[in-house]
């Protein structure tokens, strides 16, 4: 099966799943308009601290909703995202997540110069939860294809406690800066997430 046929099949599966759940992909696309300025330009960088805006096309809907709720509750430290989600209803979040699960765009991820081979060994424990299975909705994010410095930033936020998850904090506490860079390089080299176009 070629890539386009596979994407179409997966998109139709995702669409049938989200429609079954009572969400509205078209409403999600409309609600996403305010997000396009940052999330639709490959290589757009956050001003400070400097890291690339994450790729979110093809992400699990359950994870997207969980992330949006975390921003709304101020459990994830990003003022723009916190402001953008403060008035978002649960149904709007579900609609946006359903839309994002069905979109495709640029697959180019920005590397960090880390050692992906070392990262693969270090990431062995991560794969159980972050295996990139796009056919099964999961509250664990797909990491494959994400920009490397965004992954580095997320891991450092778990290490510092800025992002709260006892499981993630226990998984990353012993990692050095080089380890984090190598793990990010491994996931960045995988096919997965896309930039929404």
C-alpha atoms as a PDB file:
ATOM      1  CA  UNK A   1       0.000   0.000   0.000  1.00  0.00           C
ATOM      2  CA  UNK A   2       1.477   3.380  -0.941  1.00  0.00           C
ATOM      3  CA  UNK A   3       1.782   6.270   1.529  1.00  0.00           C
ATOM      4  CA  UNK A   4      -1.219   8.210   0.190  1.00  0.00           C
ATOM      5  CA  UNK A   5      -3.492   5.165   0.265  1.00  0.00           C
ATOM      6  CA  UNK A   6      -2.357   4.334   3.793  1.00  0.00           C
ATOM      7  CA  UNK A   7      -2.957   7.914   4.956  1.00  0.00           C
ATOM      8  CA  UNK A   8      -6.423   7.923   3.379  1.00  0.00           C
ATOM      9  CA  UNK A   9      -7.310   4.642   5.083  1.00  0.00           C
ATOM     10  CA  UNK A  10      -6.059   5.883   8.454  1.00  0.00           C
ATOM     11  CA  UNK A  11      -7.834   9.219   8.018  1.00  0.00           C
ATOM     12  CA  UNK A  12     -11.122   7.478   7.229  1.00  0.00           C
ATOM     13  CA  UNK A  13     -10.665   5.256  10.283  1.00  0.00           C
ATOM     14  CA  UNK A  14      -9.924   8.296  12.443  1.00  0.00           C
ATOM     15  CA  UNK A  15     -12.911  10.156  10.996  1.00  0.00           C
ATOM     16  CA  UNK A  16     -15.254   7.255  11.672  1.00  0.00           C
ATOM     17  CA  UNK A  17     -13.939   6.994  15.233  1.00  0.00           C
ATOM     18  CA  UNK A  18     -14.353  10.700  15.963  1.00  0.00           C
ATOM     19  CA  UNK A  19     -17.806  10.879  14.399  1.00  0.00           C
ATOM     20  CA  UNK A  20     -18.823   7.887  16.494  1.00  0.00           C
ATOM     21  CA  UNK A  21     -17.699   9.822  19.559  1.00  0.00           C
ATOM     22  CA  UNK A  22     -20.002  12.735  18.654  1.00  0.00           C
ATOM     23  CA  UNK A  23     -17.313  15.228  17.732  1.00  0.00           C
ATOM     24  CA  UNK A  24     -17.360  17.594  14.782  1.00  0.00           C
ATOM     25  CA  UNK A  25     -14.197  17.679  12.648  1.00  0.00           C
ATOM     26  CA  UNK A  26     -15.417  20.695  10.651  1.00  0.00           C
ATOM     27  CA  UNK A  27     -16.109  22.637  13.847  1.00  0.00           C
ATOM     28  CA  UNK A  28     -12.652  21.614  15.050  1.00  0.00           C
ATOM     29  CA  UNK A  29     -11.084  22.983  11.876  1.00  0.00           C
ATOM     30  CA  UNK A  30     -12.935  26.271  12.388  1.00  0.00           C
ATOM     31  CA  UNK A  31     -11.898  26.465  16.061  1.00  0.00           C
ATOM     32  CA  UNK A  32      -8.279  25.776  15.083  1.00  0.00           C
ATOM     33  CA  UNK A  33      -8.106  29.005  13.037  1.00  0.00           C
ATOM     34  CA  UNK A  34      -6.742  30.957  16.016  1.00  0.00           C
ATOM     35  CA  UNK A  35      -3.953  28.357  16.356  1.00  0.00           C
ATOM     36  CA  UNK A  36      -2.769  28.514  12.758  1.00  0.00           C
ATOM     37  CA  UNK A  37      -0.392  31.425  13.255  1.00  0.00           C
ATOM     38  CA  UNK A  38       2.000  29.259  15.261  1.00  0.00           C
ATOM     39  CA  UNK A  39       1.140  25.658  14.408  1.00  0.00           C
ATOM     40  CA  UNK A  40       1.056  25.770  10.602  1.00  0.00           C
ATOM     41  CA  UNK A  41       4.496  27.121   9.749  1.00  0.00           C
ATOM     42  CA  UNK A  42       7.287  24.530   9.698  1.00  0.00           C
ATOM     43  CA  UNK A  43      10.202  25.744  11.779  1.00  0.00           C
ATOM     44  CA  UNK A  44       8.359  28.523  13.614  1.00  0.00           C
ATOM     45  CA  UNK A  45      10.173  29.146  16.881  1.00  0.00           C
ATOM     46  CA  UNK A  46       8.923  30.221  20.276  1.00  0.00           C
ATOM     47  CA  UNK A  47      10.512  33.567  21.185  1.00  0.00           C
ATOM     48  CA  UNK A  48      11.751  32.676  24.679  1.00  0.00           C
ATOM     49  CA  UNK A  49      12.728  30.153  25.706  1.00  0.00           C
ATOM     50  CA  UNK A  50      13.699  29.322  22.145  1.00  0.00           C
ATOM     51  CA  UNK A  51      12.311  26.052  20.813  1.00  0.00           C
ATOM     52  CA  UNK A  52      10.308  25.105  17.758  1.00  0.00           C
ATOM     53  CA  UNK A  53       6.532  25.148  17.956  1.00  0.00           C
ATOM     54  CA  UNK A  54       5.507  21.483  18.147  1.00  0.00           C
ATOM     55  CA  UNK A  55       4.136  19.527  15.237  1.00  0.00           C
ATOM     56  CA  UNK A  56       0.602  18.425  16.094  1.00  0.00           C
ATOM     57  CA  UNK A  57      -0.824  16.997  12.867  1.00  0.00           C
ATOM     58  CA  UNK A  58      -1.734  13.338  13.271  1.00  0.00           C
ATOM     59  CA  UNK A  59      -1.566  13.415  17.072  1.00  0.00           C
ATOM     60  CA  UNK A  60      -3.816  11.166  19.180  1.00  0.00           C
ATOM     61  CA  UNK A  61      -7.078  13.026  19.965  1.00  0.00           C
ATOM     62  CA  UNK A  62      -7.085  11.870  23.593  1.00  0.00           C
ATOM     63  CA  UNK A  63      -3.598  13.254  24.114  1.00  0.00           C
ATOM     64  CA  UNK A  64      -4.465  16.563  22.424  1.00  0.00           C
ATOM     65  CA  UNK A  65      -7.488  16.994  24.696  1.00  0.00           C
ATOM     66  CA  UNK A  66      -5.398  16.129  27.772  1.00  0.00           C
ATOM     67  CA  UNK A  67      -2.730  18.662  26.750  1.00  0.00           C
ATOM     68  CA  UNK A  68      -5.299  21.405  26.125  1.00  0.00           C
ATOM     69  CA  UNK A  69      -6.903  20.737  29.511  1.00  0.00           C
ATOM     70  CA  UNK A  70      -3.479  20.873  31.183  1.00  0.00           C
ATOM     71  CA  UNK A  71      -2.833  24.301  29.639  1.00  0.00           C
ATOM     72  CA  UNK A  72      -6.293  25.487  30.673  1.00  0.00           C
ATOM     73  CA  UNK A  73      -5.665  24.364  34.256  1.00  0.00           C
ATOM     74  CA  UNK A  74      -2.216  26.067  34.189  1.00  0.00           C
ATOM     75  CA  UNK A  75      -0.523  22.693  34.686  1.00  0.00           C
ATOM     76  CA  UNK A  76       1.696  23.263  31.636  1.00  0.00           C
ATOM     77  CA  UNK A  77       3.819  26.415  31.540  1.00  0.00           C
ATOM     78  CA  UNK A  78       3.128  28.337  28.355  1.00  0.00           C
ATOM     79  CA  UNK A  79       1.301  31.650  28.687  1.00  0.00           C
ATOM     80  CA  UNK A  80       0.041  31.831  25.106  1.00  0.00           C
ATOM     81  CA  UNK A  81      -1.401  28.325  25.278  1.00  0.00           C
ATOM     82  CA  UNK A  82      -2.894  29.004  28.699  1.00  0.00           C
ATOM     83  CA  UNK A  83      -4.561  32.155  27.341  1.00  0.00           C
ATOM     84  CA  UNK A  84      -5.820  30.380  24.211  1.00  0.00           C
ATOM     85  CA  UNK A  85      -7.429  27.557  26.174  1.00  0.00           C
ATOM     86  CA  UNK A  86      -8.914  29.481  29.107  1.00  0.00           C
ATOM     87  CA  UNK A  87     -12.340  29.846  27.464  1.00  0.00           C
ATOM     88  CA  UNK A  88     -12.247  26.582  25.476  1.00  0.00           C
ATOM     89  CA  UNK A  89     -15.083  24.184  26.274  1.00  0.00           C
ATOM     90  CA  UNK A  90     -14.540  20.434  26.499  1.00  0.00           C
ATOM     91  CA  UNK A  91     -16.496  19.963  23.269  1.00  0.00           C
ATOM     92  CA  UNK A  92     -14.351  22.522  21.426  1.00  0.00           C
ATOM     93  CA  UNK A  93     -11.214  20.755  22.645  1.00  0.00           C
ATOM     94  CA  UNK A  94     -12.584  17.422  21.423  1.00  0.00           C
ATOM     95  CA  UNK A  95     -13.460  18.927  18.042  1.00  0.00           C
ATOM     96  CA  UNK A  96     -10.011  20.495  17.592  1.00  0.00           C
ATOM     97  CA  UNK A  97      -8.354  17.213  18.621  1.00  0.00           C
ATOM     98  CA  UNK A  98     -10.480  15.279  16.125  1.00  0.00           C
ATOM     99  CA  UNK A  99      -9.548  17.691  13.354  1.00  0.00           C
ATOM    100  CA  UNK A 100      -5.818  17.497  14.145  1.00  0.00           C
ATOM    101  CA  UNK A 101      -5.908  13.698  14.098  1.00  0.00           C
ATOM    102  CA  UNK A 102      -7.026  13.779  10.473  1.00  0.00           C
ATOM    103  CA  UNK A 103      -4.670  16.368   8.975  1.00  0.00           C
ATOM    104  CA  UNK A 104      -1.468  15.825   7.071  1.00  0.00           C
ATOM    105  CA  UNK A 105       1.271  18.269   6.181  1.00  0.00           C
ATOM    106  CA  UNK A 106       5.037  18.704   6.205  1.00  0.00           C
ATOM    107  CA  UNK A 107       6.864  15.771   7.775  1.00  0.00           C
ATOM    108  CA  UNK A 108      10.164  17.654   8.038  1.00  0.00           C
ATOM    109  CA  UNK A 109      11.410  17.680  11.617  1.00  0.00           C
ATOM    110  CA  UNK A 110      14.291  19.853  12.740  1.00  0.00           C
ATOM    111  CA  UNK A 111      17.236  17.835  14.046  1.00  0.00           C
ATOM    112  CA  UNK A 112      19.510  18.643  16.974  1.00  0.00           C
ATOM    113  CA  UNK A 113      22.785  16.876  16.126  1.00  0.00           C
ATOM    114  CA  UNK A 114      22.223  14.195  18.757  1.00  0.00           C
ATOM    115  CA  UNK A 115      23.163  10.551  18.271  1.00  0.00           C
ATOM    116  CA  UNK A 116      19.977   8.749  17.166  1.00  0.00           C
ATOM    117  CA  UNK A 117      21.590   5.301  17.575  1.00  0.00           C
ATOM    118  CA  UNK A 118      22.412   5.988  21.211  1.00  0.00           C
ATOM    119  CA  UNK A 119      18.985   7.552  21.573  1.00  0.00           C
ATOM    120  CA  UNK A 120      17.299   4.390  20.330  1.00  0.00           C
ATOM    121  CA  UNK A 121      18.941   2.391  23.119  1.00  0.00           C
ATOM    122  CA  UNK A 122      18.059   5.014  25.728  1.00  0.00           C
ATOM    123  CA  UNK A 123      14.479   5.291  24.442  1.00  0.00           C
ATOM    124  CA  UNK A 124      13.759   1.553  24.731  1.00  0.00           C
ATOM    125  CA  UNK A 125      11.739   2.156  27.911  1.00  0.00           C
ATOM    126  CA  UNK A 126       9.800   4.990  26.229  1.00  0.00           C
ATOM    127  CA  UNK A 127       8.483   2.893  23.352  1.00  0.00           C
ATOM    128  CA  UNK A 128       5.890   1.017  25.408  1.00  0.00           C
ATOM    129  CA  UNK A 129       3.902   4.255  25.832  1.00  0.00           C
ATOM    130  CA  UNK A 130       5.171   6.331  22.893  1.00  0.00           C
ATOM    131  CA  UNK A 131       5.136   3.744  20.115  1.00  0.00           C
ATOM    132  CA  UNK A 132       3.475   5.978  17.514  1.00  0.00           C
ATOM    133  CA  UNK A 133       0.528   3.633  16.918  1.00  0.00           C
ATOM    134  CA  UNK A 134      -1.770   6.073  15.143  1.00  0.00           C
ATOM    135  CA  UNK A 135      -4.578   3.557  14.710  1.00  0.00           C
ATOM    136  CA  UNK A 136      -5.217   3.378  18.444  1.00  0.00           C
ATOM    137  CA  UNK A 137      -6.176   6.578  20.236  1.00  0.00           C
ATOM    138  CA  UNK A 138      -4.044   7.066  23.316  1.00  0.00           C
ATOM    139  CA  UNK A 139      -3.558   9.648  26.029  1.00  0.00           C
ATOM    140  CA  UNK A 140       0.193   9.173  25.485  1.00  0.00           C
ATOM    141  CA  UNK A 141       1.543  11.434  22.750  1.00  0.00           C
ATOM    142  CA  UNK A 142       3.133  10.314  19.523  1.00  0.00           C
ATOM    143  CA  UNK A 143       6.741  11.548  19.659  1.00  0.00           C
ATOM    144  CA  UNK A 144       7.900  10.231  16.292  1.00  0.00           C
ATOM    145  CA  UNK A 145       8.647  13.064  13.894  1.00  0.00           C
ATOM    146  CA  UNK A 146       8.571  15.821  16.526  1.00  0.00           C
ATOM    147  CA  UNK A 147      11.152  18.630  16.432  1.00  0.00           C
ATOM    148  CA  UNK A 148      14.159  17.649  18.532  1.00  0.00           C
ATOM    149  CA  UNK A 149      14.485  20.798  20.600  1.00  0.00           C
ATOM    150  CA  UNK A 150      10.777  20.692  21.489  1.00  0.00           C
ATOM    151  CA  UNK A 151      11.276  17.160  22.828  1.00  0.00           C
ATOM    152  CA  UNK A 152      14.357  18.306  24.747  1.00  0.00           C
ATOM    153  CA  UNK A 153      12.336  21.138  26.260  1.00  0.00           C
ATOM    154  CA  UNK A 154       9.469  18.835  27.274  1.00  0.00           C
ATOM    155  CA  UNK A 155      11.851  16.361  28.944  1.00  0.00           C
ATOM    156  CA  UNK A 156      13.642  19.169  30.811  1.00  0.00           C
ATOM    157  CA  UNK A 157      10.270  20.468  32.047  1.00  0.00           C
ATOM    158  CA  UNK A 158       9.464  17.027  33.448  1.00  0.00           C
ATOM    159  CA  UNK A 159      12.891  16.895  35.071  1.00  0.00           C
ATOM    160  CA  UNK A 160      12.387  20.305  36.704  1.00  0.00           C
ATOM    161  CA  UNK A 161       8.779  19.667  37.727  1.00  0.00           C
ATOM    162  CA  UNK A 162       7.330  22.384  35.461  1.00  0.00           C
ATOM    163  CA  UNK A 163       5.339  19.605  33.829  1.00  0.00           C
ATOM    164  CA  UNK A 164       3.779  17.334  36.396  1.00  0.00           C
ATOM    165  CA  UNK A 165       3.566  13.610  35.830  1.00  0.00           C
ATOM    166  CA  UNK A 166       5.009  11.275  38.467  1.00  0.00           C
ATOM    167  CA  UNK A 167       5.550   8.583  35.830  1.00  0.00           C
ATOM    168  CA  UNK A 168       7.345  10.868  33.380  1.00  0.00           C
ATOM    169  CA  UNK A 169       9.374  12.499  36.135  1.00  0.00           C
ATOM    170  CA  UNK A 170      10.563   9.087  37.331  1.00  0.00           C
ATOM    171  CA  UNK A 171      11.452   8.059  33.771  1.00  0.00           C
ATOM    172  CA  UNK A 172      13.597  11.113  32.967  1.00  0.00           C
ATOM    173  CA  UNK A 173      15.208  12.104  36.272  1.00  0.00           C
ATOM    174  CA  UNK A 174      18.483  10.252  35.712  1.00  0.00           C
ATOM    175  CA  UNK A 175      19.035  11.454  32.144  1.00  0.00           C
ATOM    176  CA  UNK A 176      21.967  13.730  31.337  1.00  0.00           C
ATOM    177  CA  UNK A 177      21.730  16.583  28.820  1.00  0.00           C
ATOM    178  CA  UNK A 178      23.465  14.386  26.247  1.00  0.00           C
ATOM    179  CA  UNK A 179      21.031  11.524  26.952  1.00  0.00           C
ATOM    180  CA  UNK A 180      18.080  13.856  26.408  1.00  0.00           C
ATOM    181  CA  UNK A 181      19.580  15.162  23.180  1.00  0.00           C
ATOM    182  CA  UNK A 182      20.146  11.613  21.890  1.00  0.00           C
ATOM    183  CA  UNK A 183      16.621  10.464  22.789  1.00  0.00           C
ATOM    184  CA  UNK A 184      15.182  13.515  21.034  1.00  0.00           C
ATOM    185  CA  UNK A 185      17.335  12.760  17.971  1.00  0.00           C
ATOM    186  CA  UNK A 186      15.980   9.206  17.862  1.00  0.00           C
ATOM    187  CA  UNK A 187      12.316  10.257  17.917  1.00  0.00           C
ATOM    188  CA  UNK A 188      12.902  13.135  15.491  1.00  0.00           C
ATOM    189  CA  UNK A 189      14.319  10.691  12.934  1.00  0.00           C
ATOM    190  CA  UNK A 190      11.114   8.607  12.963  1.00  0.00           C
ATOM    191  CA  UNK A 191       8.143   9.202  10.658  1.00  0.00           C
ATOM    192  CA  UNK A 192       5.112  10.377  12.513  1.00  0.00           C
ATOM    193  CA  UNK A 193       3.734  13.818  13.293  1.00  0.00           C
ATOM    194  CA  UNK A 194       3.245  16.507  10.677  1.00  0.00           C
ATOM    195  CA  UNK A 195       2.983  20.277  10.589  1.00  0.00           C
ATOM    196  CA  UNK A 196      -0.622  21.299   9.939  1.00  0.00           C
ATOM    197  CA  UNK A 197      -0.940  23.061   6.577  1.00  0.00           C
END
